[in-house]
């Protein structure tokens, strides 16, 4: 029969998984918002009429002129993904060493 300490450690691991999922969801939403900003200069008519691939082609012109938004987003999300990977790794390692 598990001890109260063992149950509490497992509960905390479950809580940490929930926290990491919430962080991941928030960061993904932030990335989605930046993605939408790439189309800020596209007209409403084009947004309504064009398929996503064609919208991306239109957005590519602006990115070629100034790639700051896209490169900053990629760099930020790269950093976030690495941190999340480390956090999930730590959670897993903690479970395996118990």
Protein backbone atom coordinates (compact mmCIF):
# COMPACT_ATOMS: atom_id res chain seq x y z
CA UNK A 1 0.00 0.00 0.00
CA UNK A 2 1.44 3.41 -0.97
CA UNK A 3 2.41 5.78 1.79
CA UNK A 4 0.96 9.26 2.12
CA UNK A 5 4.31 10.68 0.96
CA UNK A 6 4.25 8.53 -2.19
CA UNK A 7 0.69 9.56 -2.95
CA UNK A 8 1.57 13.22 -2.43
CA UNK A 9 4.61 12.97 -4.74
CA UNK A 10 2.45 11.38 -7.44
CA UNK A 11 -0.20 14.07 -6.96
CA UNK A 12 2.44 16.77 -7.30
CA UNK A 13 3.73 15.16 -10.50
CA UNK A 14 0.19 15.18 -11.90
CA UNK A 15 -0.17 18.83 -10.87
CA UNK A 16 3.15 19.67 -12.57
CA UNK A 17 2.00 17.98 -15.77
CA UNK A 18 -1.14 20.13 -15.71
CA UNK A 19 0.96 23.25 -15.17
CA UNK A 20 3.23 22.38 -18.08
CA UNK A 21 0.27 21.72 -20.35
CA UNK A 22 -1.21 25.10 -19.41
CA UNK A 23 2.11 26.81 -20.13
CA UNK A 24 2.38 24.98 -23.44
CA UNK A 25 -1.15 26.00 -24.42
CA UNK A 26 -0.50 29.65 -23.53
CA UNK A 27 2.74 29.71 -25.51
CA UNK A 28 1.07 28.07 -28.48
CA UNK A 29 -1.70 30.68 -28.37
CA UNK A 30 0.93 33.41 -28.27
CA UNK A 31 2.59 31.85 -31.32
CA UNK A 32 -0.76 31.74 -33.12
CA UNK A 33 -1.25 35.45 -32.45
CA UNK A 34 2.15 36.27 -33.90
CA UNK A 35 1.33 34.10 -36.92
CA UNK A 36 -1.83 36.15 -37.45
CA UNK A 37 0.21 39.36 -37.22
CA UNK A 38 2.14 38.23 -40.27
CA UNK A 39 -1.07 38.88 -42.23
CA UNK A 40 -1.82 42.32 -40.75
CA UNK A 41 -1.09 44.06 -44.05
CA UNK A 42 -3.31 41.71 -46.08
CA UNK A 43 -6.67 43.22 -47.03
CA UNK A 44 -9.87 41.84 -45.56
CA UNK A 45 -11.01 40.93 -49.07
CA UNK A 46 -7.87 38.87 -49.69
CA UNK A 47 -8.21 37.20 -46.29
CA UNK A 48 -11.76 36.20 -47.17
CA UNK A 49 -11.06 35.12 -50.74
CA UNK A 50 -7.64 33.47 -50.66
CA UNK A 51 -6.72 30.07 -49.35
CA UNK A 52 -4.08 29.89 -46.63
CA UNK A 53 -1.26 28.96 -49.00
CA UNK A 54 -1.97 32.05 -51.13
CA UNK A 55 -2.26 34.22 -48.01
CA UNK A 56 1.14 32.96 -46.95
CA UNK A 57 2.49 33.90 -50.35
CA UNK A 58 1.16 37.46 -49.92
CA UNK A 59 2.64 37.62 -46.39
CA UNK A 60 5.97 36.40 -47.75
CA UNK A 61 6.46 39.69 -49.59
CA UNK A 62 6.34 41.60 -46.30
CA UNK A 63 8.64 39.08 -44.61
CA UNK A 64 11.17 39.51 -47.40
CA UNK A 65 11.18 43.25 -46.74
CA UNK A 66 11.43 42.88 -42.96
CA UNK A 67 11.76 39.47 -41.37
CA UNK A 68 11.94 40.80 -37.81
CA UNK A 69 8.49 39.64 -36.70
CA UNK A 70 8.92 36.14 -38.10
CA UNK A 71 12.49 35.70 -36.87
CA UNK A 72 11.64 37.04 -33.40
CA UNK A 73 8.66 34.69 -33.19
CA UNK A 74 10.72 31.70 -34.29
CA UNK A 75 13.50 32.52 -31.83
CA UNK A 76 11.07 33.06 -28.96
CA UNK A 77 9.18 29.83 -29.66
CA UNK A 78 12.45 27.95 -30.01
CA UNK A 79 13.46 29.14 -26.55
CA UNK A 80 10.02 28.30 -25.11
CA UNK A 81 10.08 24.83 -26.66
CA UNK A 82 13.52 24.10 -25.23
CA UNK A 83 12.42 25.20 -21.77
CA UNK A 84 9.30 23.07 -21.98
CA UNK A 85 11.35 20.11 -23.16
CA UNK A 86 13.63 20.50 -20.15
CA UNK A 87 10.64 20.79 -17.80
CA UNK A 88 9.00 17.64 -19.21
CA UNK A 89 12.35 15.84 -19.04
CA UNK A 90 12.74 16.83 -15.40
CA UNK A 91 9.22 15.65 -14.60
CA UNK A 92 9.88 12.31 -16.30
CA UNK A 93 13.27 11.89 -14.64
CA UNK A 94 11.77 12.63 -11.22
CA UNK A 95 9.16 9.92 -11.77
CA UNK A 96 11.73 7.38 -12.91
CA UNK A 97 14.03 7.94 -9.93
CA UNK A 98 11.32 7.35 -7.35
